[in-house]
């Protein structure tokens, strides 16, 4: 058997000192539960399917939600798409740990490998919700070498093929003639302030000044009579500068046909929507998307985006006021450790 060297008293003391300090460091750096330590340091870094991630969401004021979810979306793939099924990661297990802070957890599913960036946070109460966007940068990396997923199944028989190519029939997407307000589809709010404003102002359902929750309705008239299955009018905020609270609100929304029979007078397509909890400011319609068949062929569904200023012109402008209640305070931070909030 090999001979062992005899250590000097000084060397033995040095070794004992290293062991003692290592144990002390381990005791100070490790809480009662190893899983808890991992949770506090998991919102970021590199992860694999099956691992649990916890992110701490801190608000600038007291918050009380029935649910809170944190979503990451795949931003870039470092490797060819050979593994994984999902391109987003949503944490839904929320626990309130203080008046202003929630711990939100979830297990990484079979995600595609790559870098995932913080996309949005959705907070809900018993009767309302708020979609937070444009948050401070935060990303994590997913590694996945699981077996390649099975090829996507062919669409059921009778389902059309969706394509963005140019349709063979040039009249499939005719020019837009006009965009007009549709007849009112709702009565004014019972709230006294909104009722008075409606009596003296009566904003157009397709323009003017509105509050969050107002119903919008526009009629889009095309030349000839296209057979569209869906028409969508997109609005985007036309202002750049804003404060932190407004920057976390939605800056766009869309009006769409609810069903194939939503046509108004003169065969115009009626698009409707309720204004979501978006940021205050001026909004303009910038794209109209349409989908339809070409030449009576129901096996292929074609899409087209009509660009405002190029394919059509409109003076429709919406001015929206953020009336979201203070129970949806501004997000202060999203990160690893429990944020320390100054009271």
Protein backbone atom coordinates (compact mmCIF):
# COMPACT_ATOMS: atom_id res chain seq x y z
CA UNK A 1 0.00 0.00 0.00
CA UNK A 2 1.28 3.52 -0.62
CA UNK A 3 2.98 5.36 2.15
CA UNK A 4 1.33 8.45 3.64
CA UNK A 5 3.28 11.60 4.34
CA UNK A 6 3.48 12.86 7.89
CA UNK A 7 2.06 16.39 8.04
CA UNK A 8 3.66 19.04 10.23
CA UNK A 9 1.58 20.67 13.02
CA UNK A 10 1.48 23.91 11.03
CA UNK A 11 0.14 22.14 7.91
CA UNK A 12 -2.45 20.30 9.97
CA UNK A 13 -3.54 23.59 11.54
CA UNK A 14 -3.79 25.19 8.10
CA UNK A 15 -5.93 22.34 6.81
CA UNK A 16 -8.19 22.49 9.86
CA UNK A 17 -8.58 26.26 9.40
CA UNK A 18 -9.62 25.81 5.75
CA UNK A 19 -12.22 23.20 6.75
CA UNK A 20 -13.61 25.41 9.53
CA UNK A 21 -13.92 28.46 7.27
CA UNK A 22 -15.49 26.34 4.54
CA UNK A 23 -18.11 25.06 6.97
CA UNK A 24 -18.75 28.59 8.22
CA UNK A 25 -19.15 29.88 4.70
CA UNK A 26 -21.49 27.01 3.87
CA UNK A 27 -23.55 27.65 6.98
CA UNK A 28 -23.84 31.36 6.25
CA UNK A 29 -24.55 30.97 2.54
CA UNK A 30 -27.05 28.11 2.80
CA UNK A 31 -30.46 28.70 4.40
CA UNK A 32 -32.49 26.03 6.14
CA UNK A 33 -33.63 24.68 2.76
CA UNK A 34 -31.33 24.18 -0.22
CA UNK A 35 -34.31 24.46 -2.53
CA UNK A 36 -35.11 27.89 -1.11
CA UNK A 37 -31.58 29.06 -1.87
CA UNK A 38 -31.85 27.80 -5.42
CA UNK A 39 -35.20 29.54 -5.84
CA UNK A 40 -33.73 32.87 -4.76
CA UNK A 41 -31.01 32.62 -7.38
CA UNK A 42 -32.92 31.10 -10.28
CA UNK A 43 -34.42 34.14 -12.05
CA UNK A 44 -31.74 34.29 -14.70
CA UNK A 45 -28.72 32.18 -15.61
CA UNK A 46 -28.86 28.82 -17.38
CA UNK A 47 -31.59 26.21 -16.91
CA UNK A 48 -32.82 22.93 -18.32
CA UNK A 49 -36.31 21.37 -18.64
CA UNK A 50 -37.58 20.14 -15.29
CA UNK A 51 -35.81 22.80 -13.23
CA UNK A 52 -37.82 25.20 -11.10
CA UNK A 53 -37.47 28.96 -11.52
CA UNK A 54 -38.62 31.64 -9.08
CA UNK A 55 -38.73 35.36 -9.85
CA UNK A 56 -39.48 38.04 -7.27
CA UNK A 57 -41.79 40.82 -8.49
CA UNK A 58 -41.75 44.02 -6.44
CA UNK A 59 -44.27 46.88 -6.81
CA UNK A 60 -43.96 50.55 -5.88
CA UNK A 61 -47.07 50.35 -3.68
CA UNK A 62 -49.08 47.72 -1.82
CA UNK A 63 -50.58 45.13 -4.16
CA UNK A 64 -53.22 42.43 -3.68
CA UNK A 65 -53.83 40.09 -6.63
CA UNK A 66 -55.66 36.81 -7.08
CA UNK A 67 -53.04 35.70 -9.61
CA UNK A 68 -49.75 36.89 -11.07
CA UNK A 69 -47.85 35.39 -14.02
CA UNK A 70 -44.43 36.14 -15.51
CA UNK A 71 -43.72 35.33 -19.17
CA UNK A 72 -40.40 34.88 -20.98
CA UNK A 73 -40.24 34.53 -24.79
CA UNK A 74 -37.53 32.97 -26.95
CA UNK A 75 -35.39 35.80 -28.29
CA UNK A 76 -32.63 33.97 -30.12
CA UNK A 77 -31.64 30.40 -30.82
CA UNK A 78 -27.96 29.59 -30.30
CA UNK A 79 -28.33 26.18 -31.93
CA UNK A 80 -30.40 24.74 -34.80
CA UNK A 81 -33.94 23.92 -33.76
CA UNK A 82 -33.45 20.21 -33.12
CA UNK A 83 -34.80 19.95 -29.59
CA UNK A 84 -37.67 21.31 -27.58
CA UNK A 85 -41.33 22.05 -28.21
CA UNK A 86 -42.14 25.44 -26.67
CA UNK A 87 -40.81 28.93 -27.42
CA UNK A 88 -42.05 30.61 -24.26
CA UNK A 89 -41.90 30.06 -20.51
CA UNK A 90 -44.67 31.19 -18.15
CA UNK A 91 -44.34 31.20 -14.35
CA UNK A 92 -47.76 31.01 -12.68
CA UNK A 93 -47.30 29.83 -9.06
CA UNK A 94 -47.51 33.16 -7.20
CA UNK A 95 -47.04 33.59 -3.45
CA UNK A 96 -47.35 36.94 -1.69
CA UNK A 97 -44.37 37.31 0.64
CA UNK A 98 -44.85 40.95 1.66
CA UNK A 99 -47.22 43.84 1.07
CA UNK A 100 -45.44 44.75 -2.16
CA UNK A 101 -43.60 41.62 -3.25
CA UNK A 102 -44.62 38.31 -4.85
CA UNK A 103 -42.57 35.19 -5.51
CA UNK A 104 -43.68 33.68 -8.84
CA UNK A 105 -42.46 30.18 -9.72
CA UNK A 106 -42.75 27.54 -12.40
CA UNK A 107 -41.02 24.46 -13.85
CA UNK A 108 -39.21 24.77 -17.17
CA UNK A 109 -41.12 22.71 -19.78
CA UNK A 110 -39.66 21.17 -22.95
CA UNK A 111 -38.46 24.55 -24.25
CA UNK A 112 -36.35 25.09 -27.34
CA UNK A 113 -32.73 25.94 -26.47
CA UNK A 114 -31.83 29.62 -26.59
CA UNK A 115 -32.08 32.95 -24.79
CA UNK A 116 -35.45 33.87 -23.28
CA UNK A 117 -36.24 37.48 -22.41
CA UNK A 118 -38.81 38.86 -19.98
CA UNK A 119 -41.83 39.72 -22.12
CA UNK A 120 -44.73 40.63 -19.85
CA UNK A 121 -46.40 40.25 -16.46
CA UNK A 122 -50.15 39.83 -16.01
CA UNK A 123 -51.80 40.68 -12.68
CA UNK A 124 -55.41 39.78 -11.92
CA UNK A 125 -57.92 40.66 -9.24
CA UNK A 126 -61.35 39.12 -8.76
CA UNK A 127 -62.89 41.42 -11.37
CA UNK A 128 -60.07 43.08 -13.32
CA UNK A 129 -56.62 42.58 -14.79
CA UNK A 130 -53.53 44.51 -15.91
CA UNK A 131 -50.99 43.61 -18.60
CA UNK A 132 -47.50 45.00 -17.81
CA UNK A 133 -45.08 45.45 -20.74
CA UNK A 134 -41.77 47.21 -21.51
CA UNK A 135 -40.15 46.03 -18.28
CA UNK A 136 -36.48 46.29 -17.36
CA UNK A 137 -34.29 43.83 -19.32
CA UNK A 138 -34.07 40.33 -17.85
CA UNK A 139 -33.14 37.12 -19.63
CA UNK A 140 -32.28 33.49 -18.99
CA UNK A 141 -30.78 30.68 -21.08
CA UNK A 142 -32.45 27.33 -21.68
CA UNK A 143 -30.31 24.33 -22.62
CA UNK A 144 -32.12 21.30 -24.02
CA UNK A 145 -30.73 18.17 -25.66
CA UNK A 146 -33.89 16.10 -25.39
CA UNK A 147 -34.95 13.98 -28.38
CA UNK A 148 -36.24 15.95 -31.34
CA UNK A 149 -40.03 16.46 -31.25
CA UNK A 150 -42.24 14.53 -33.59
CA UNK A 151 -43.06 16.24 -36.91
CA UNK A 152 -46.17 18.41 -36.83
CA UNK A 153 -49.28 16.56 -37.90
CA UNK A 154 -50.92 17.54 -41.15
CA UNK A 155 -54.02 19.75 -40.76
CA UNK A 156 -57.33 17.88 -40.67
CA UNK A 157 -58.97 17.18 -43.98
CA UNK A 158 -60.91 20.20 -45.17
CA UNK A 159 -58.78 22.77 -43.30
CA UNK A 160 -57.32 25.46 -45.61
CA UNK A 161 -53.60 25.98 -46.07
CA UNK A 162 -52.55 29.33 -44.58
CA UNK A 163 -50.18 31.29 -46.83
CA UNK A 164 -48.73 34.80 -47.10
CA UNK A 165 -47.85 34.48 -50.79
CA UNK A 166 -49.45 36.59 -53.51
CA UNK A 167 -52.88 35.16 -54.44
CA UNK A 168 -53.43 34.17 -58.09
CA UNK A 169 -56.53 36.34 -58.35
CA UNK A 170 -55.48 40.05 -58.19
CA UNK A 171 -58.91 41.15 -56.97
CA UNK A 172 -58.65 39.03 -53.81
CA UNK A 173 -57.48 42.10 -51.86
CA UNK A 174 -59.15 45.19 -53.38
CA UNK A 175 -58.40 48.75 -52.33
CA UNK A 176 -59.93 50.28 -49.20
CA UNK A 177 -62.54 52.95 -49.94
CA UNK A 178 -63.15 54.36 -46.46
CA UNK A 179 -63.20 53.77 -42.71
CA UNK A 180 -66.26 55.21 -40.95
CA UNK A 181 -67.69 55.00 -37.43
CA UNK A 182 -70.17 52.18 -36.95
CA UNK A 183 -73.53 52.71 -35.24
CA UNK A 184 -73.30 52.83 -31.46
CA UNK A 185 -73.30 49.36 -29.96
CA UNK A 186 -73.46 50.18 -26.28
CA UNK A 187 -75.21 52.55 -23.90
CA UNK A 188 -73.15 55.04 -21.89
CA UNK A 189 -71.63 53.95 -18.60
CA UNK A 190 -73.76 54.28 -15.49
CA UNK A 191 -70.83 56.07 -13.80
CA UNK A 192 -71.85 59.72 -13.28
CA UNK A 193 -68.59 61.20 -14.63
CA UNK A 194 -68.68 59.10 -17.80
CA UNK A 195 -72.43 59.68 -18.24
CA UNK A 196 -72.02 63.49 -18.14
CA UNK A 197 -69.10 63.31 -20.58
CA UNK A 198 -71.13 61.12 -22.94
CA UNK A 199 -74.14 63.48 -22.84
CA UNK A 200 -72.11 66.59 -23.70
CA UNK A 201 -69.41 65.03 -25.85
CA UNK A 202 -70.66 61.72 -27.27
CA UNK A 203 -67.31 60.57 -28.70
CA UNK A 204 -67.28 58.76 -32.01
CA UNK A 205 -67.05 54.97 -31.70
CA UNK A 206 -64.21 55.14 -34.23
CA UNK A 207 -62.21 58.16 -33.04
CA UNK A 208 -62.18 60.96 -30.50
CA UNK A 209 -61.44 60.83 -26.79
CA UNK A 210 -62.11 57.63 -24.85
CA UNK A 211 -61.45 55.93 -21.55
CA UNK A 212 -60.22 52.41 -21.00
CA UNK A 213 -63.17 50.03 -21.25
CA UNK A 214 -65.01 52.05 -23.91
CA UNK A 215 -66.38 50.07 -26.84
CA UNK A 216 -65.04 50.95 -30.30
CA UNK A 217 -66.70 50.08 -33.62
CA UNK A 218 -65.54 50.97 -37.15
CA UNK A 219 -66.82 50.12 -40.62
CA UNK A 220 -64.19 49.31 -43.25
CA UNK A 221 -65.41 49.49 -46.83
CA UNK A 222 -63.44 47.88 -49.67
CA UNK A 223 -63.86 48.28 -53.40
CA UNK A 224 -65.95 45.49 -54.90
CA UNK A 225 -67.05 42.77 -52.45
CA UNK A 226 -64.16 40.68 -51.14
CA UNK A 227 -64.90 37.43 -49.32
CA UNK A 228 -62.79 37.96 -46.21
CA UNK A 229 -62.98 35.60 -43.26
CA UNK A 230 -61.44 38.14 -40.88
CA UNK A 231 -60.54 41.84 -40.90
CA UNK A 232 -58.47 43.52 -38.15
CA UNK A 233 -57.72 47.23 -37.61
CA UNK A 234 -54.55 47.82 -35.54
CA UNK A 235 -53.95 50.95 -33.44
CA UNK A 236 -50.58 52.01 -32.02
CA UNK A 237 -49.62 54.79 -29.62
CA UNK A 238 -48.25 57.78 -31.51
CA UNK A 239 -46.26 59.24 -28.61
CA UNK A 240 -42.82 58.23 -27.41
CA UNK A 241 -42.17 60.07 -24.18
CA UNK A 242 -43.92 58.83 -21.07
CA UNK A 243 -43.41 58.23 -17.35
CA UNK A 244 -42.54 54.89 -15.79
CA UNK A 245 -46.13 53.98 -14.99
CA UNK A 246 -47.37 54.65 -18.52
CA UNK A 247 -44.38 52.91 -20.08
CA UNK A 248 -45.49 49.62 -18.50
CA UNK A 249 -48.97 49.81 -20.04
CA UNK A 250 -49.98 48.44 -23.43
CA UNK A 251 -49.16 50.75 -26.35
CA UNK A 252 -51.38 49.12 -28.95
CA UNK A 253 -54.62 47.20 -29.49
CA UNK A 254 -56.76 45.93 -32.35
CA UNK A 255 -60.37 45.89 -33.53
CA UNK A 256 -61.53 42.75 -35.32
CA UNK A 257 -64.52 41.05 -36.89
CA UNK A 258 -66.22 38.79 -34.38
CA UNK A 259 -67.66 36.44 -37.00
CA UNK A 260 -68.06 36.17 -40.76
CA UNK A 261 -71.42 37.94 -40.72
CA UNK A 262 -70.19 41.17 -39.10
CA UNK A 263 -70.93 43.37 -42.10
CA UNK A 264 -72.72 46.67 -41.84
CA UNK A 265 -74.35 48.94 -44.36
CA UNK A 266 -73.06 48.87 -47.93
CA UNK A 267 -71.37 45.54 -47.24
CA UNK A 268 -68.64 47.15 -45.09
CA UNK A 269 -66.83 45.02 -42.55
CA UNK A 270 -67.55 45.96 -38.95
CA UNK A 271 -64.63 45.68 -36.54
CA UNK A 272 -65.08 46.11 -32.80
CA UNK A 273 -63.12 45.95 -29.55
CA UNK A 274 -63.06 47.20 -25.98
CA UNK A 275 -60.15 49.53 -25.20
CA UNK A 276 -57.81 47.59 -22.88
CA UNK A 277 -55.78 49.03 -20.02
CA UNK A 278 -53.32 50.80 -22.27
CA UNK A 279 -51.19 53.88 -21.77
CA UNK A 280 -52.63 57.37 -22.04
CA UNK A 281 -52.00 59.18 -25.30
CA UNK A 282 -52.88 59.50 -28.97
CA UNK A 283 -53.39 56.34 -31.03
CA UNK A 284 -53.59 56.02 -34.81
CA UNK A 285 -54.67 53.18 -37.03
CA UNK A 286 -51.57 52.01 -38.86
CA UNK A 287 -52.37 48.55 -40.33
CA UNK A 288 -55.49 46.74 -41.54
CA UNK A 289 -55.03 42.98 -41.82
CA UNK A 290 -57.36 40.85 -43.93
CA UNK A 291 -57.61 37.14 -44.72
CA UNK A 292 -59.59 35.61 -47.55
CA UNK A 293 -59.83 33.01 -50.29
CA UNK A 294 -58.83 33.56 -53.90
CA UNK A 295 -60.86 32.61 -56.96
CA UNK A 296 -63.33 30.47 -55.03
CA UNK A 297 -60.55 28.10 -53.89
CA UNK A 298 -61.26 27.30 -50.22
CA UNK A 299 -58.11 25.17 -49.81
CA UNK A 300 -55.79 28.18 -49.42
CA UNK A 301 -56.30 31.14 -47.10
CA UNK A 302 -54.34 34.27 -48.06
CA UNK A 303 -53.30 37.17 -45.81
CA UNK A 304 -52.52 40.82 -46.54
CA UNK A 305 -51.56 43.85 -44.45
CA UNK A 306 -52.84 47.22 -45.73
CA UNK A 307 -50.34 49.87 -44.53
CA UNK A 308 -51.68 53.31 -43.61
CA UNK A 309 -50.16 55.98 -45.81
CA UNK A 310 -49.29 53.47 -48.53
CA UNK A 311 -52.37 51.31 -49.14
CA UNK A 312 -54.92 53.66 -47.57
CA UNK A 313 -55.22 56.98 -45.75
CA UNK A 314 -57.33 57.83 -42.74
CA UNK A 315 -57.68 60.67 -40.26
CA UNK A 316 -58.94 58.41 -37.49
CA UNK A 317 -57.21 59.32 -34.24
CA UNK A 318 -58.04 58.04 -30.77
CA UNK A 319 -57.09 59.78 -27.55
CA UNK A 320 -57.13 57.37 -24.63
CA UNK A 321 -56.93 58.21 -20.95
CA UNK A 322 -55.45 55.73 -18.52
CA UNK A 323 -58.09 55.24 -15.83
CA UNK A 324 -56.68 52.02 -14.37
CA UNK A 325 -57.12 51.94 -10.60
CA UNK A 326 -54.22 52.29 -8.21
CA UNK A 327 -54.64 48.65 -7.21
CA UNK A 328 -52.38 47.95 -10.19
CA UNK A 329 -49.26 49.84 -9.05
CA UNK A 330 -46.11 50.25 -11.12
CA UNK A 331 -43.65 47.36 -11.08
CA UNK A 332 -40.43 48.37 -9.34
CA UNK A 333 -38.26 45.34 -10.12
CA UNK A 334 -38.21 41.72 -11.26
CA UNK A 335 -35.23 39.64 -10.25
CA UNK A 336 -33.49 37.01 -8.22
CA UNK A 337 -33.36 38.06 -4.59
CA UNK A 338 -36.26 39.42 -2.63
CA UNK A 339 -36.16 43.18 -3.29
CA UNK A 340 -35.80 45.47 -0.32
CA UNK A 341 -38.56 48.03 -0.59
CA UNK A 342 -38.17 51.29 1.31
CA UNK A 343 -41.32 52.19 3.16
